[in-house]
Structures are given as structure tokens and as C-alpha cells.
């Protein structure tokens, strides 16, 4: 019973994280960045928030409205800071559920099928 509740909690946190921190900003960047596809924006968000940061996509370089470029770049910086905070909090929540013992469940299934 408790294991199902914990798994539901973990799934809910994961789905909310993906929707609010990965997909929603991807759609916003898709609407604001000319020349970027939806896959490009998701790639930028994922690469940036996982701290890989390759630098091949830089938001704000192709902004048509020049007076708003500084505000836009500041907003992107704030998003990246808050996104990294959300990423670390989500990973902490996943780590702090030792009652799930996901590693033990995976090992048990491995030994059953070998």
C-alpha cells in the first residue's frame, strides 16, 4: 500500500517537473526565438538545466526588437538560475525516498530473470 503511494508521489513530482521546467519553457522559447524549432528549444532547455551547456544555442541573438534584448537576456538568466534550483530540488526529492529502494527492486528482478 505505502509503496504504491510513494510511487504515485514520485511519478507526480516527475510529471510536474517535466511539464513546468522542461516543456513549458521550451514552448515559450519556441514562440520567442525565430529560427528555432520545438526540438531545438527543448534541446536548449535540457542541455542548460543539466549543466552540460554546450553553447550551440544562445537565446537572444536573433531578437528583432533590439530595445528588449537586455530584458530578455536577463529573463533567460533568471530562468536558468530558477531552473537549476528546481532541478536540484527534484533530484533531492528523488534521492530522499530511500523507502522505495529502487536499486534493490532492480537487483531482485535481475536475479529472478538470470
N, C-alpha and C. Protein backbone atom coordinates (compact mmCIF):
# COMPACT_ATOMS: atom_id res chain seq x y z
N UNK A 1 0.83 -1.20 0.00
CA UNK A 1 0.00 0.00 0.00
C UNK A 1 0.86 1.25 0.00
N UNK A 2 1.82 1.33 0.97
CA UNK A 2 2.66 2.52 1.06
C UNK A 2 3.57 2.65 -0.15
N UNK A 3 3.98 1.53 -0.70
CA UNK A 3 4.86 1.57 -1.86
C UNK A 3 4.14 2.19 -3.06
N UNK A 4 2.85 1.89 -3.22
CA UNK A 4 2.09 2.48 -4.32
C UNK A 4 1.92 3.97 -4.14
N UNK A 5 1.71 4.41 -2.91
CA UNK A 5 1.58 5.83 -2.62
C UNK A 5 2.89 6.54 -2.90
N UNK A 6 4.00 5.94 -2.52
CA UNK A 6 5.31 6.55 -2.77
C UNK A 6 5.61 6.61 -4.26
N UNK A 7 5.27 5.56 -4.97
CA UNK A 7 5.48 5.58 -6.42
C UNK A 7 4.59 6.62 -7.10
N UNK A 8 3.36 6.77 -6.61
CA UNK A 8 2.48 7.80 -7.15
C UNK A 8 3.05 9.19 -6.86
N UNK A 9 3.59 9.39 -5.67
CA UNK A 9 4.22 10.66 -5.30
C UNK A 9 5.41 10.94 -6.21
N UNK A 10 6.23 9.96 -6.44
CA UNK A 10 7.40 10.10 -7.29
C UNK A 10 7.00 10.40 -8.74
N UNK A 11 5.98 9.73 -9.23
CA UNK A 11 5.51 9.96 -10.60
C UNK A 11 4.91 11.35 -10.74
N UNK A 12 4.16 11.79 -9.72
CA UNK A 12 3.57 13.13 -9.75
C UNK A 12 4.64 14.20 -9.77
N UNK A 13 5.63 14.07 -8.92
CA UNK A 13 6.73 15.03 -8.89
C UNK A 13 7.45 15.05 -10.24
N UNK A 14 7.72 13.87 -10.79
CA UNK A 14 8.42 13.79 -12.07
C UNK A 14 7.64 14.42 -13.21
N UNK A 15 6.33 14.15 -13.26
CA UNK A 15 5.50 14.71 -14.33
C UNK A 15 5.39 16.22 -14.19
N UNK A 16 5.19 16.71 -12.98
CA UNK A 16 5.13 18.17 -12.77
C UNK A 16 6.45 18.83 -13.13
N UNK A 17 7.55 18.19 -12.81
CA UNK A 17 8.86 18.75 -13.15
C UNK A 17 9.03 18.83 -14.66
N UNK A 18 8.71 17.76 -15.36
CA UNK A 18 8.88 17.75 -16.81
C UNK A 18 7.99 18.79 -17.47
N UNK A 19 6.75 18.91 -17.00
CA UNK A 19 5.83 19.87 -17.60
C UNK A 19 6.24 21.31 -17.30
N UNK A 20 6.56 21.61 -16.05
CA UNK A 20 6.78 23.01 -15.66
C UNK A 20 8.19 23.50 -15.92
N UNK A 21 9.18 22.63 -15.88
CA UNK A 21 10.56 23.09 -16.00
C UNK A 21 11.16 22.74 -17.36
N UNK A 22 10.63 21.76 -18.04
CA UNK A 22 11.21 21.37 -19.33
C UNK A 22 10.30 21.75 -20.52
N UNK A 23 9.04 21.36 -20.50
CA UNK A 23 8.18 21.56 -21.66
C UNK A 23 7.63 22.99 -21.78
N UNK A 24 7.17 23.57 -20.68
CA UNK A 24 6.62 24.92 -20.74
C UNK A 24 7.66 25.95 -21.19
N UNK A 25 8.89 25.95 -20.62
CA UNK A 25 9.90 26.88 -21.13
C UNK A 25 10.28 26.59 -22.59
N UNK A 26 10.24 25.33 -23.00
CA UNK A 26 10.54 25.01 -24.39
C UNK A 26 9.53 25.65 -25.33
N UNK A 27 8.26 25.61 -24.96
CA UNK A 27 7.22 26.23 -25.79
C UNK A 27 7.40 27.75 -25.80
N UNK A 28 7.73 28.33 -24.66
CA UNK A 28 7.94 29.78 -24.60
C UNK A 28 9.13 30.20 -25.47
N UNK A 29 10.24 29.48 -25.38
CA UNK A 29 11.38 29.79 -26.24
C UNK A 29 11.04 29.57 -27.72
N UNK A 30 10.21 28.58 -28.01
CA UNK A 30 9.79 28.34 -29.39
C UNK A 30 9.03 29.55 -29.94
N UNK A 31 8.20 30.16 -29.09
CA UNK A 31 7.43 31.32 -29.53
C UNK A 31 8.29 32.58 -29.64
N UNK A 32 9.33 32.67 -28.83
CA UNK A 32 10.14 33.89 -28.79
C UNK A 32 11.37 33.87 -29.68
N UNK A 33 11.88 32.71 -29.99
CA UNK A 33 13.11 32.60 -30.77
C UNK A 33 12.82 32.29 -32.23
N UNK A 34 13.08 33.24 -33.12
CA UNK A 34 12.88 32.95 -34.54
C UNK A 34 13.97 32.00 -35.04
N UNK A 35 13.55 31.03 -35.81
CA UNK A 35 14.51 30.09 -36.38
C UNK A 35 14.77 28.85 -35.55
N UNK A 36 14.23 28.77 -34.35
CA UNK A 36 14.40 27.59 -33.51
C UNK A 36 13.16 26.72 -33.63
N UNK A 37 13.36 25.43 -33.82
CA UNK A 37 12.22 24.51 -33.82
C UNK A 37 11.90 24.12 -32.37
N UNK A 38 10.81 23.42 -32.21
CA UNK A 38 10.43 22.98 -30.87
C UNK A 38 11.46 22.02 -30.30
N UNK A 39 12.03 21.18 -31.15
CA UNK A 39 13.08 20.27 -30.71
C UNK A 39 14.33 21.04 -30.31
N UNK A 40 14.66 22.11 -31.05
CA UNK A 40 15.81 22.94 -30.69
C UNK A 40 15.62 23.59 -29.32
N UNK A 41 14.42 24.07 -29.04
CA UNK A 41 14.18 24.73 -27.76
C UNK A 41 14.23 23.72 -26.62
N UNK A 42 13.67 22.52 -26.83
CA UNK A 42 13.75 21.50 -25.78
C UNK A 42 15.20 21.09 -25.55
N UNK A 43 15.96 20.99 -26.62
CA UNK A 43 17.38 20.67 -26.52
C UNK A 43 18.10 21.74 -25.70
N UNK A 44 17.83 23.02 -25.98
CA UNK A 44 18.47 24.11 -25.24
C UNK A 44 18.13 24.03 -23.75
N UNK A 45 16.85 23.84 -23.44
CA UNK A 45 16.43 23.79 -22.03
C UNK A 45 17.07 22.59 -21.34
N UNK A 46 17.04 21.43 -21.95
CA UNK A 46 17.61 20.23 -21.35
C UNK A 46 19.12 20.37 -21.13
N UNK A 47 19.83 20.81 -22.17
CA UNK A 47 21.28 20.95 -22.08
C UNK A 47 21.66 21.99 -21.03
N UNK A 48 20.89 23.07 -20.95
CA UNK A 48 21.20 24.13 -19.99
C UNK A 48 20.92 23.71 -18.55
N UNK A 49 19.80 23.04 -18.32
CA UNK A 49 19.43 22.69 -16.96
C UNK A 49 20.16 21.47 -16.43
N UNK A 50 20.72 20.68 -17.31
CA UNK A 50 21.54 19.56 -16.84
C UNK A 50 23.00 19.96 -16.72
N UNK A 51 23.26 21.24 -16.88
CA UNK A 51 24.58 21.89 -16.77
C UNK A 51 25.59 21.34 -17.76
N UNK A 52 25.14 20.76 -18.85
CA UNK A 52 26.06 20.37 -19.91
C UNK A 52 26.49 21.64 -20.65
N UNK A 53 25.52 22.45 -21.05
CA UNK A 53 25.76 23.76 -21.61
C UNK A 53 26.76 23.83 -22.74
N UNK A 54 26.42 23.30 -23.88
CA UNK A 54 27.36 23.27 -25.00
C UNK A 54 27.55 24.64 -25.64
N UNK A 55 26.55 25.50 -25.57
CA UNK A 55 26.68 26.84 -26.13
C UNK A 55 26.37 26.95 -27.60
N UNK A 56 25.81 25.90 -28.20
CA UNK A 56 25.48 25.98 -29.62
C UNK A 56 24.19 26.74 -29.88
N UNK A 57 23.33 26.86 -28.89
CA UNK A 57 22.14 27.70 -28.99
C UNK A 57 22.22 28.76 -27.90
N UNK A 58 22.11 30.01 -28.31
CA UNK A 58 22.17 31.13 -27.37
C UNK A 58 20.92 31.97 -27.57
N UNK A 59 20.04 32.02 -26.58
CA UNK A 59 18.82 32.80 -26.76
C UNK A 59 19.12 34.29 -26.75
N UNK A 60 18.39 35.01 -27.59
CA UNK A 60 18.51 36.45 -27.63
C UNK A 60 19.43 36.98 -28.70
N UNK A 61 20.07 36.12 -29.46
CA UNK A 61 20.96 36.61 -30.51
C UNK A 61 20.19 37.05 -31.76
N UNK A 62 19.01 36.52 -31.98
CA UNK A 62 18.23 36.86 -33.17
C UNK A 62 16.95 37.62 -32.83
N UNK A 63 16.96 38.33 -31.72
CA UNK A 63 15.77 39.09 -31.33
C UNK A 63 15.60 40.28 -32.27
N UNK A 64 14.41 40.42 -32.80
CA UNK A 64 14.13 41.50 -33.74
C UNK A 64 14.02 42.84 -33.00
N UNK A 65 13.36 42.84 -31.85
CA UNK A 65 13.15 44.08 -31.09
C UNK A 65 14.38 44.35 -30.24
N UNK A 66 15.27 45.16 -30.72
CA UNK A 66 16.54 45.42 -30.06
C UNK A 66 16.40 46.05 -28.67
N UNK A 67 15.45 46.95 -28.41
CA UNK A 67 15.40 47.55 -27.07
C UNK A 67 15.06 46.56 -25.95
N UNK A 68 14.43 45.45 -26.28
CA UNK A 68 14.03 44.48 -25.27
C UNK A 68 15.05 43.36 -25.10
N UNK A 69 16.14 43.40 -25.82
CA UNK A 69 17.12 42.32 -25.79
C UNK A 69 17.74 42.13 -24.41
N UNK A 70 18.09 43.22 -23.74
CA UNK A 70 18.69 43.12 -22.41
C UNK A 70 17.71 42.54 -21.39
N UNK A 71 16.47 42.95 -21.49
CA UNK A 71 15.44 42.42 -20.57
C UNK A 71 15.24 40.93 -20.83
N UNK A 72 15.22 40.55 -22.10
CA UNK A 72 15.03 39.15 -22.48
C UNK A 72 16.20 38.30 -21.98
N UNK A 73 17.42 38.77 -22.19
CA UNK A 73 18.59 38.01 -21.73
C UNK A 73 18.62 37.92 -20.21
N UNK A 74 18.19 38.97 -19.50
CA UNK A 74 18.11 38.90 -18.04
C UNK A 74 17.06 37.88 -17.61
N UNK A 75 15.94 37.85 -18.31
CA UNK A 75 14.90 36.87 -18.02
C UNK A 75 15.37 35.45 -18.25
N UNK A 76 16.15 35.25 -19.31
CA UNK A 76 16.71 33.92 -19.58
C UNK A 76 17.66 33.51 -18.45
N UNK A 77 18.47 34.46 -17.98
CA UNK A 77 19.39 34.17 -16.87
C UNK A 77 18.65 33.81 -15.60
N UNK A 78 17.56 34.51 -15.31
CA UNK A 78 16.75 34.20 -14.12
C UNK A 78 16.09 32.83 -14.28
N UNK A 79 15.59 32.53 -15.50
CA UNK A 79 15.02 31.21 -15.74
C UNK A 79 16.04 30.11 -15.51
N UNK A 80 17.26 30.30 -16.01
CA UNK A 80 18.28 29.28 -15.84
C UNK A 80 18.63 29.09 -14.37
N UNK A 81 18.71 30.17 -13.62
CA UNK A 81 19.00 30.06 -12.19
C UNK A 81 17.88 29.32 -11.46
N UNK A 82 16.63 29.72 -11.71
CA UNK A 82 15.50 29.05 -11.05
C UNK A 82 15.34 27.61 -11.54
N UNK A 83 15.64 27.37 -12.81
CA UNK A 83 15.57 26.01 -13.34
C UNK A 83 16.60 25.10 -12.70
N UNK A 84 17.79 25.60 -12.48
CA UNK A 84 18.82 24.80 -11.80
C UNK A 84 18.42 24.50 -10.36
N UNK A 85 17.79 25.48 -9.72
CA UNK A 85 17.31 25.25 -8.35
C UNK A 85 16.23 24.17 -8.36
N UNK A 86 15.29 24.25 -9.30
CA UNK A 86 14.24 23.24 -9.38
C UNK A 86 14.81 21.86 -9.71
N UNK A 87 15.82 21.83 -10.57
CA UNK A 87 16.46 20.56 -10.92
C UNK A 87 17.09 19.93 -9.69
N UNK A 88 17.81 20.72 -8.91
CA UNK A 88 18.47 20.16 -7.72
C UNK A 88 17.44 19.76 -6.67
N UNK A 89 16.37 20.51 -6.52
CA UNK A 89 15.33 20.13 -5.56
C UNK A 89 14.63 18.83 -5.98
N UNK A 90 14.36 18.70 -7.26
CA UNK A 90 13.71 17.48 -7.74
C UNK A 90 14.61 16.27 -7.56
N UNK A 91 15.87 16.42 -7.88
CA UNK A 91 16.80 15.30 -7.68
C UNK A 91 16.95 14.96 -6.20
N UNK A 92 16.87 15.97 -5.33
CA UNK A 92 16.93 15.72 -3.90
C UNK A 92 15.70 14.94 -3.43
N UNK A 93 14.54 15.29 -3.97
CA UNK A 93 13.32 14.55 -3.62
C UNK A 93 13.45 13.10 -4.07
N UNK A 94 13.95 12.88 -5.27
CA UNK A 94 14.13 11.51 -5.76
C UNK A 94 15.13 10.75 -4.89
N UNK A 95 16.16 11.42 -4.46
CA UNK A 95 17.19 10.77 -3.65
C UNK A 95 16.70 10.49 -2.23
N UNK A 96 15.84 11.37 -1.71
CA UNK A 96 15.39 11.25 -0.32
C UNK A 96 14.22 10.31 -0.13
N UNK A 97 13.94 9.48 -1.06
CA UNK A 97 12.89 8.47 -0.89
C UNK A 97 13.57 7.11 -0.81
N UNK A 98 14.30 6.87 0.26
CA UNK A 98 15.00 5.58 0.36
C UNK A 98 14.05 4.42 0.60
N UNK A 99 12.82 4.72 1.00
CA UNK A 99 11.87 3.66 1.27
C UNK A 99 11.51 2.91 -0.01
N UNK A 100 11.69 3.58 -1.16
CA UNK A 100 11.38 2.90 -2.41
C UNK A 100 12.40 1.82 -2.72
N UNK A 101 13.65 2.06 -2.34
CA UNK A 101 14.74 1.11 -2.61
C UNK A 101 14.69 0.63 -4.06
N UNK A 102 14.68 1.58 -4.97
CA UNK A 102 14.58 1.22 -6.39
C UNK A 102 15.73 0.32 -6.81
N UNK A 103 16.92 0.56 -6.26
CA UNK A 103 18.05 -0.28 -6.60
C UNK A 103 17.84 -1.72 -6.18
N UNK A 104 17.26 -1.93 -5.01
CA UNK A 104 17.00 -3.30 -4.55
C UNK A 104 15.95 -3.99 -5.41
N UNK A 105 14.93 -3.23 -5.83
CA UNK A 105 13.91 -3.81 -6.70
C UNK A 105 14.51 -4.21 -8.04
N UNK A 106 15.39 -3.38 -8.58
CA UNK A 106 16.00 -3.71 -9.86
C UNK A 106 16.92 -4.93 -9.72
N UNK A 107 17.66 -4.99 -8.62
CA UNK A 107 18.54 -6.13 -8.41
C UNK A 107 17.73 -7.42 -8.24
N UNK A 108 16.63 -7.34 -7.52
CA UNK A 108 15.80 -8.51 -7.29
C UNK A 108 15.26 -9.04 -8.61
N UNK A 109 14.81 -8.13 -9.50
CA UNK A 109 14.30 -8.56 -10.80
C UNK A 109 15.42 -9.13 -11.66
N UNK A 110 16.60 -8.60 -11.52
CA UNK A 110 17.73 -9.11 -12.30
C UNK A 110 18.05 -10.54 -11.90
N UNK A 111 18.05 -10.81 -10.60
CA UNK A 111 18.37 -12.16 -10.15
C UNK A 111 17.25 -13.15 -10.44
N UNK A 112 16.01 -12.67 -10.53
CA UNK A 112 14.90 -13.56 -10.85
C UNK A 112 14.96 -14.02 -12.31
N UNK A 113 15.44 -13.15 -13.19
CA UNK A 113 15.42 -13.47 -14.62
C UNK A 113 16.75 -14.00 -15.14
N UNK A 114 17.76 -14.14 -14.29
CA UNK A 114 19.02 -14.68 -14.78
C UNK A 114 19.22 -16.12 -14.37
